[in-house]
Structures are given as structure tokens and as C-alpha cells.
């Protein structure tokens, strides 16, 4: 993730002072939004993974395979 400092270092000095100074609330707000978004996406991914694993287990049981069997053979 790109930080405020990383971004500011790529800009001319006068813009860096603005970004790191009086606009800090802007960067803090942006950081909060991005953090919340990433957290939400991680939670959704974990939930979807659990749903898919449950579906795989159910389908294997229907097919007569042991629940823990892996591999791609039918």
C-alpha cells in the first residue's frame, strides 16, 4: 500500500509540505476508508472460501467420496 510519505516524496518540496502538513486530515480520512475497504474485502473472501469449502464437502459426499479426499480425479 502506498503511504502518504511515499506519495509526498515523489512531489516537489512545496507540495510535499502541503501534503504532510495542513492536509493531514485528508490523508487520515483516506487511510481510514482504505483500511475499512480492505478489511471488508478480506472478510468477504474468508466467508466465500468457507462457503465454497462447504459446497465441495457436500458435493463429495453426494458423489460417495470421503469428505477429506482431494485431487481432481472423478
PDB file of N, CA and C in Angstrom:
ATOM      1  N   UNK A   1       0.844  -1.164   0.000  1.00  0.00           N
ATOM      2  CA  UNK A   1       0.000   0.000   0.000  1.00  0.00           C
ATOM      3  C   UNK A   1       0.900   1.241   0.000  1.00  0.00           C
ATOM      4  N   UNK A   2       0.546   2.209  -0.772  1.00  0.00           N
ATOM      5  CA  UNK A   2       1.322   3.442  -0.853  1.00  0.00           C
ATOM      6  C   UNK A   2       0.930   4.340   0.309  1.00  0.00           C
ATOM      7  N   UNK A   3       1.926   4.861   1.000  1.00  0.00           N
ATOM      8  CA  UNK A   3       1.651   5.736   2.134  1.00  0.00           C
ATOM      9  C   UNK A   3       1.700   7.192   1.706  1.00  0.00           C
ATOM     10  N   UNK A   4       1.244   8.046   2.595  1.00  0.00           N
ATOM     11  CA  UNK A   4       1.311   9.489   2.356  1.00  0.00           C
ATOM     12  C   UNK A   4       2.755   9.906   2.134  1.00  0.00           C
ATOM     13  N   UNK A   5       3.656   9.369   2.930  1.00  0.00           N
ATOM     14  CA  UNK A   5       5.070   9.723   2.815  1.00  0.00           C
ATOM     15  C   UNK A   5       5.619   9.321   1.451  1.00  0.00           C
ATOM     16  N   UNK A   6       5.277   8.115   0.981  1.00  0.00           N
ATOM     17  CA  UNK A   6       5.735   7.662  -0.338  1.00  0.00           C
ATOM     18  C   UNK A   6       5.254   8.599  -1.430  1.00  0.00           C
ATOM     19  N   UNK A   7       3.998   8.982  -1.351  1.00  0.00           N
ATOM     20  CA  UNK A   7       3.426   9.872  -2.356  1.00  0.00           C
ATOM     21  C   UNK A   7       4.088  11.241  -2.296  1.00  0.00           C
ATOM     22  N   UNK A   8       4.234  11.760  -1.105  1.00  0.00           N
ATOM     23  CA  UNK A   8       4.787  13.097  -0.937  1.00  0.00           C
ATOM     24  C   UNK A   8       6.228  13.180  -1.423  1.00  0.00           C
ATOM     25  N   UNK A   9       6.991  12.122  -1.253  1.00  0.00           N
ATOM     26  CA  UNK A   9       8.395  12.146  -1.657  1.00  0.00           C
ATOM     27  C   UNK A   9       8.563  12.229  -3.169  1.00  0.00           C
ATOM     28  N   UNK A  10       7.525  11.913  -3.918  1.00  0.00           N
ATOM     29  CA  UNK A  10       7.611  11.988  -5.376  1.00  0.00           C
ATOM     30  C   UNK A  10       7.249  13.368  -5.905  1.00  0.00           C
ATOM     31  N   UNK A  11       6.805  14.249  -5.032  1.00  0.00           N
ATOM     32  CA  UNK A  11       6.352  15.577  -5.443  1.00  0.00           C
ATOM     33  C   UNK A  11       7.407  16.636  -5.139  1.00  0.00           C
ATOM     34  N   UNK A  12       7.299  17.803  -5.768  1.00  0.00           N
ATOM     35  CA  UNK A  12       8.195  18.913  -5.419  1.00  0.00           C
ATOM     36  C   UNK A  12       8.039  19.271  -3.940  1.00  0.00           C
ATOM     37  N   UNK A  13       9.057  19.909  -3.384  1.00  0.00           N
ATOM     38  CA  UNK A  13       9.078  20.184  -1.944  1.00  0.00           C
ATOM     39  C   UNK A  13       7.870  20.964  -1.455  1.00  0.00           C
ATOM     40  N   UNK A  14       7.424  21.984  -2.188  1.00  0.00           N
ATOM     41  CA  UNK A  14       6.307  22.782  -1.691  1.00  0.00           C
ATOM     42  C   UNK A  14       5.019  21.958  -1.622  1.00  0.00           C
ATOM     43  N   UNK A  15       4.837  21.025  -2.537  1.00  0.00           N
ATOM     44  CA  UNK A  15       3.650  20.175  -2.488  1.00  0.00           C
ATOM     45  C   UNK A  15       3.773  19.145  -1.372  1.00  0.00           C
ATOM     46  N   UNK A  16       4.993  18.670  -1.125  1.00  0.00           N
ATOM     47  CA  UNK A  16       5.197  17.718  -0.046  1.00  0.00           C
ATOM     48  C   UNK A  16       4.817  18.347   1.289  1.00  0.00           C
ATOM     49  N   UNK A  17       5.181  19.605   1.489  1.00  0.00           N
ATOM     50  CA  UNK A  17       4.851  20.298   2.735  1.00  0.00           C
ATOM     51  C   UNK A  17       3.340  20.398   2.905  1.00  0.00           C
ATOM     52  N   UNK A  18       2.645  20.658   1.816  1.00  0.00           N
ATOM     53  CA  UNK A  18       1.185  20.749   1.883  1.00  0.00           C
ATOM     54  C   UNK A  18       0.584  19.390   2.230  1.00  0.00           C
ATOM     55  N   UNK A  19       1.058  18.343   1.566  1.00  0.00           N
ATOM     56  CA  UNK A  19       0.500  17.017   1.810  1.00  0.00           C
ATOM     57  C   UNK A  19       0.747  16.532   3.232  1.00  0.00           C
ATOM     58  N   UNK A  20       1.906  16.801   3.754  1.00  0.00           N
ATOM     59  CA  UNK A  20       2.243  16.319   5.092  1.00  0.00           C
ATOM     60  C   UNK A  20       1.788  17.275   6.183  1.00  0.00           C
ATOM     61  N   UNK A  21       1.399  18.464   5.814  1.00  0.00           N
ATOM     62  CA  UNK A  21       1.019  19.466   6.799  1.00  0.00           C
ATOM     63  C   UNK A  21      -0.474  19.621   6.942  1.00  0.00           C
ATOM     64  N   UNK A  22      -0.994  20.685   6.357  1.00  0.00           N
ATOM     65  CA  UNK A  22      -2.381  21.053   6.631  1.00  0.00           C
ATOM     66  C   UNK A  22      -3.405  20.071   6.076  1.00  0.00           C
ATOM     67  N   UNK A  23      -3.030  19.209   5.156  1.00  0.00           N
ATOM     68  CA  UNK A  23      -3.986  18.248   4.618  1.00  0.00           C
ATOM     69  C   UNK A  23      -3.909  16.885   5.307  1.00  0.00           C
ATOM     70  N   UNK A  24      -3.266  16.823   6.463  1.00  0.00           N
ATOM     71  CA  UNK A  24      -3.184  15.545   7.175  1.00  0.00           C
ATOM     72  C   UNK A  24      -4.556  14.918   7.421  1.00  0.00           C
ATOM     73  N   UNK A  25      -5.585  15.693   7.781  1.00  0.00           N
ATOM     74  CA  UNK A  25      -6.904  15.072   7.959  1.00  0.00           C
ATOM     75  C   UNK A  25      -7.400  14.375   6.689  1.00  0.00           C
ATOM     76  N   UNK A  26      -7.058  14.936   5.537  1.00  0.00           N
ATOM     77  CA  UNK A  26      -7.432  14.296   4.277  1.00  0.00           C
ATOM     78  C   UNK A  26      -6.784  12.918   4.174  1.00  0.00           C
ATOM     79  N   UNK A  27      -5.479  12.842   4.453  1.00  0.00           N
ATOM     80  CA  UNK A  27      -4.772  11.565   4.373  1.00  0.00           C
ATOM     81  C   UNK A  27      -5.255  10.600   5.443  1.00  0.00           C
ATOM     82  N   UNK A  28      -5.547  11.120   6.643  1.00  0.00           N
ATOM     83  CA  UNK A  28      -6.064  10.250   7.703  1.00  0.00           C
ATOM     84  C   UNK A  28      -7.417   9.668   7.305  1.00  0.00           C
ATOM     85  N   UNK A  29      -8.267  10.510   6.719  1.00  0.00           N
ATOM     86  CA  UNK A  29      -9.568  10.034   6.256  1.00  0.00           C
ATOM     87  C   UNK A  29      -9.429   9.011   5.151  1.00  0.00           C
ATOM     88  N   UNK A  30      -8.529   9.276   4.212  1.00  0.00           N
ATOM     89  CA  UNK A  30      -8.293   8.340   3.113  1.00  0.00           C
ATOM     90  C   UNK A  30      -7.783   7.001   3.647  1.00  0.00           C
ATOM     91  N   UNK A  31      -6.855   7.065   4.591  1.00  0.00           N
ATOM     92  CA  UNK A  31      -6.313   5.844   5.184  1.00  0.00           C
ATOM     93  C   UNK A  31      -7.425   5.040   5.865  1.00  0.00           C
ATOM     94  N   UNK A  32      -8.308   5.720   6.576  1.00  0.00           N
ATOM     95  CA  UNK A  32      -9.416   5.053   7.253  1.00  0.00           C
ATOM     96  C   UNK A  32     -10.329   4.354   6.249  1.00  0.00           C
ATOM     97  N   UNK A  33     -10.656   5.048   5.176  1.00  0.00           N
ATOM     98  CA  UNK A  33     -11.530   4.477   4.147  1.00  0.00           C
ATOM     99  C   UNK A  33     -10.885   3.246   3.513  1.00  0.00           C
ATOM    100  N   UNK A  34      -9.614   3.355   3.158  1.00  0.00           N
ATOM    101  CA  UNK A  34      -8.917   2.233   2.517  1.00  0.00           C
ATOM    102  C   UNK A  34      -8.815   1.047   3.474  1.00  0.00           C
ATOM    103  N   UNK A  35      -8.501   1.308   4.725  1.00  0.00           N
ATOM    104  CA  UNK A  35      -8.391   0.237   5.719  1.00  0.00           C
ATOM    105  C   UNK A  35      -9.718  -0.491   5.876  1.00  0.00           C
ATOM    106  N   UNK A  36     -10.810   0.268   5.967  1.00  0.00           N
ATOM    107  CA  UNK A  36     -12.129  -0.346   6.097  1.00  0.00           C
ATOM    108  C   UNK A  36     -12.467  -1.185   4.869  1.00  0.00           C
ATOM    109  N   UNK A  37     -12.140  -0.680   3.700  1.00  0.00           N
ATOM    110  CA  UNK A  37     -12.425  -1.396   2.455  1.00  0.00           C
ATOM    111  C   UNK A  37     -11.637  -2.704   2.385  1.00  0.00           C
ATOM    112  N   UNK A  38     -10.355  -2.651   2.709  1.00  0.00           N
ATOM    113  CA  UNK A  38      -9.513  -3.852   2.671  1.00  0.00           C
ATOM    114  C   UNK A  38     -10.007  -4.878   3.690  1.00  0.00           C
ATOM    115  N   UNK A  39     -10.357  -4.424   4.885  1.00  0.00           N
ATOM    116  CA  UNK A  39     -10.866  -5.326   5.917  1.00  0.00           C
ATOM    117  C   UNK A  39     -12.149  -6.002   5.459  1.00  0.00           C
ATOM    118  N   UNK A  40     -13.044  -5.221   4.877  1.00  0.00           N
ATOM    119  CA  UNK A  40     -14.314  -5.767   4.388  1.00  0.00           C
ATOM    120  C   UNK A  40     -14.070  -6.804   3.286  1.00  0.00           C
ATOM    121  N   UNK A  41     -13.153  -6.512   2.370  1.00  0.00           N
ATOM    122  CA  UNK A  41     -12.850  -7.454   1.289  1.00  0.00           C
ATOM    123  C   UNK A  41     -12.243  -8.744   1.828  1.00  0.00           C
ATOM    124  N   UNK A  42     -11.380  -8.635   2.837  1.00  0.00           N
ATOM    125  CA  UNK A  42     -10.787  -9.828   3.441  1.00  0.00           C
ATOM    126  C   UNK A  42     -11.855 -10.685   4.106  1.00  0.00           C
ATOM    127  N   UNK A  43     -12.793 -10.036   4.816  1.00  0.00           N
ATOM    128  CA  UNK A  43     -13.868 -10.770   5.476  1.00  0.00           C
ATOM    129  C   UNK A  43     -14.766 -11.461   4.449  1.00  0.00           C
ATOM    130  N   UNK A  44     -15.083 -10.765   3.366  1.00  0.00           N
ATOM    131  CA  UNK A  44     -15.912 -11.354   2.316  1.00  0.00           C
ATOM    132  C   UNK A  44     -15.200 -12.539   1.663  1.00  0.00           C
ATOM    133  N   UNK A  45     -13.892 -12.425   1.466  1.00  0.00           N
ATOM    134  CA  UNK A  45     -13.122 -13.518   0.865  1.00  0.00           C
ATOM    135  C   UNK A  45     -13.107 -14.737   1.789  1.00  0.00           C
ATOM    136  N   UNK A  46     -12.938 -14.517   3.089  1.00  0.00           N
ATOM    137  CA  UNK A  46     -12.943 -15.624   4.042  1.00  0.00           C
ATOM    138  C   UNK A  46     -14.309 -16.304   4.070  1.00  0.00           C
ATOM    139  N   UNK A  47     -15.372 -15.500   4.041  1.00  0.00           N
ATOM    140  CA  UNK A  47     -16.722 -16.054   4.048  1.00  0.00           C
ATOM    141  C   UNK A  47     -16.974 -16.872   2.781  1.00  0.00           C
ATOM    142  N   UNK A  48     -16.578 -16.341   1.648  1.00  0.00           N
ATOM    143  CA  UNK A  48     -16.775 -17.047   0.376  1.00  0.00           C
ATOM    144  C   UNK A  48     -15.964 -18.344   0.340  1.00  0.00           C
ATOM    145  N   UNK A  49     -14.747 -18.312   0.868  1.00  0.00           N
ATOM    146  CA  UNK A  49     -13.920 -19.518   0.931  1.00  0.00           C
ATOM    147  C   UNK A  49     -14.605 -20.592   1.770  1.00  0.00           C
ATOM    148  N   UNK A  50     -15.151 -20.194   2.915  1.00  0.00           N
ATOM    149  CA  UNK A  50     -15.852 -21.152   3.773  1.00  0.00           C
ATOM    150  C   UNK A  50     -17.072 -21.734   3.057  1.00  0.00           C
ATOM    151  N   UNK A  51     -17.807 -20.885   2.331  1.00  0.00           N
ATOM    152  CA  UNK A  51     -18.973 -21.366   1.579  1.00  0.00           C
ATOM    153  C   UNK A  51     -18.554 -22.372   0.503  1.00  0.00           C
ATOM    154  N   UNK A  52     -17.480 -22.059  -0.211  1.00  0.00           N
ATOM    155  CA  UNK A  52     -17.011 -22.956  -1.269  1.00  0.00           C
ATOM    156  C   UNK A  52     -16.513 -24.281  -0.699  1.00  0.00           C
ATOM    157  N   UNK A  53     -15.811 -24.232   0.429  1.00  0.00           N
ATOM    158  CA  UNK A  53     -15.341 -25.467   1.059  1.00  0.00           C
ATOM    159  C   UNK A  53     -16.514 -26.329   1.504  1.00  0.00           C
ATOM    160  N   UNK A  54     -17.573 -25.699   2.024  1.00  0.00           N
ATOM    161  CA  UNK A  54     -18.768 -26.443   2.423  1.00  0.00           C
ATOM    162  C   UNK A  54     -19.441 -27.068   1.202  1.00  0.00           C
ATOM    163  N   UNK A  55     -19.502 -26.333   0.103  1.00  0.00           N
ATOM    164  CA  UNK A  55     -20.080 -26.869  -1.137  1.00  0.00           C
ATOM    165  C   UNK A  55     -19.273 -28.058  -1.654  1.00  0.00           C
ATOM    166  N   UNK A  56     -17.958 -27.949  -1.623  1.00  0.00           N
ATOM    167  CA  UNK A  56     -17.089 -29.045  -2.078  1.00  0.00           C
ATOM    168  C   UNK A  56     -17.312 -30.282  -1.216  1.00  0.00           C
ATOM    169  N   UNK A  57     -17.378 -30.085   0.090  1.00  0.00           N
ATOM    170  CA  UNK A  57     -17.602 -31.211   1.004  1.00  0.00           C
ATOM    171  C   UNK A  57     -18.946 -31.879   0.707  1.00  0.00           C
ATOM    172  N   UNK A  58     -19.979 -31.071   0.526  1.00  0.00           N
ATOM    173  CA  UNK A  58     -21.314 -31.603   0.248  1.00  0.00           C
ATOM    174  C   UNK A  58     -21.330 -32.380  -1.070  1.00  0.00           C
ATOM    175  N   UNK A  59     -20.706 -31.825  -2.100  1.00  0.00           N
ATOM    176  CA  UNK A  59     -20.679 -32.492  -3.403  1.00  0.00           C
ATOM    177  C   UNK A  59     -19.887 -33.795  -3.356  1.00  0.00           C
ATOM    178  N   UNK A  60     -18.807 -33.814  -2.602  1.00  0.00           N
ATOM    179  CA  UNK A  60     -18.022 -35.051  -2.465  1.00  0.00           C
ATOM    180  C   UNK A  60     -18.828 -36.125  -1.748  1.00  0.00           C
ATOM    181  N   UNK A  61     -19.578 -35.705  -0.731  1.00  0.00           N
ATOM    182  CA  UNK A  61     -20.410 -36.671  -0.015  1.00  0.00           C
ATOM    183  C   UNK A  61     -21.490 -37.231  -0.937  1.00  0.00           C
ATOM    184  N   UNK A  62     -22.061 -36.383  -1.767  1.00  0.00           N
ATOM    185  CA  UNK A  62     -23.068 -36.840  -2.726  1.00  0.00           C
ATOM    186  C   UNK A  62     -22.463 -37.797  -3.753  1.00  0.00           C
ATOM    187  N   UNK A  63     -21.201 -37.579  -4.098  1.00  0.00           N
ATOM    188  CA  UNK A  63     -20.524 -38.420  -5.085  1.00  0.00           C
ATOM    189  C   UNK A  63     -19.968 -39.697  -4.461  1.00  0.00           C
ATOM    190  N   UNK A  64     -20.054 -39.816  -3.135  1.00  0.00           N
ATOM    191  CA  UNK A  64     -19.585 -41.020  -2.470  1.00  0.00           C
ATOM    192  C   UNK A  64     -18.117 -41.004  -2.107  1.00  0.00           C
ATOM    193  N   UNK A  65     -17.457 -39.854  -2.236  1.00  0.00           N
ATOM    194  CA  UNK A  65     -16.048 -39.748  -1.856  1.00  0.00           C
ATOM    195  C   UNK A  65     -15.966 -39.362  -0.384  1.00  0.00           C
ATOM    196  N   UNK A  66     -14.891 -39.762   0.278  1.00  0.00           N
ATOM    197  CA  UNK A  66     -14.677 -39.289   1.649  1.00  0.00           C
ATOM    198  C   UNK A  66     -14.567 -37.765   1.660  1.00  0.00           C
ATOM    199  N   UNK A  67     -15.050 -37.140   2.717  1.00  0.00           N
ATOM    200  CA  UNK A  67     -15.090 -35.679   2.791  1.00  0.00           C
ATOM    201  C   UNK A  67     -13.713 -35.050   2.679  1.00  0.00           C
ATOM    202  N   UNK A  68     -12.670 -35.717   3.154  1.00  0.00           N
ATOM    203  CA  UNK A  68     -11.336 -35.133   3.121  1.00  0.00           C
ATOM    204  C   UNK A  68     -10.538 -35.466   1.880  1.00  0.00           C
ATOM    205  N   UNK A  69     -11.126 -36.192   0.932  1.00  0.00           N
ATOM    206  CA  UNK A  69     -10.382 -36.604  -0.267  1.00  0.00           C
ATOM    207  C   UNK A  69     -10.102 -35.408  -1.148  1.00  0.00           C
ATOM    208  N   UNK A  70      -8.899 -35.341  -1.641  1.00  0.00           N
ATOM    209  CA  UNK A  70      -8.528 -34.246  -2.537  1.00  0.00           C
ATOM    210  C   UNK A  70      -8.260 -34.773  -3.919  1.00  0.00           C
ATOM    211  N   UNK A  71      -7.702 -33.930  -4.760  1.00  0.00           N
ATOM    212  CA  UNK A  71      -7.357 -34.356  -6.112  1.00  0.00           C
ATOM    213  C   UNK A  71      -8.429 -33.970  -7.100  1.00  0.00           C
ATOM    214  N   UNK A  72      -8.095 -34.146  -8.373  1.00  0.00           N
ATOM    215  CA  UNK A  72      -9.016 -33.739  -9.424  1.00  0.00           C
ATOM    216  C   UNK A  72      -9.614 -34.928 -10.159  1.00  0.00           C
ATOM    217  N   UNK A  73      -9.353 -36.144  -9.677  1.00  0.00           N
ATOM    218  CA  UNK A  73      -9.891 -37.322 -10.344  1.00  0.00           C
ATOM    219  C   UNK A  73     -11.371 -37.462 -10.035  1.00  0.00           C
ATOM    220  N   UNK A  74     -12.188 -37.876 -11.008  1.00  0.00           N
ATOM    221  CA  UNK A  74     -13.633 -38.026 -10.775  1.00  0.00           C
ATOM    222  C   UNK A  74     -13.973 -39.219  -9.921  1.00  0.00           C
TER     223      UNK A  74
END
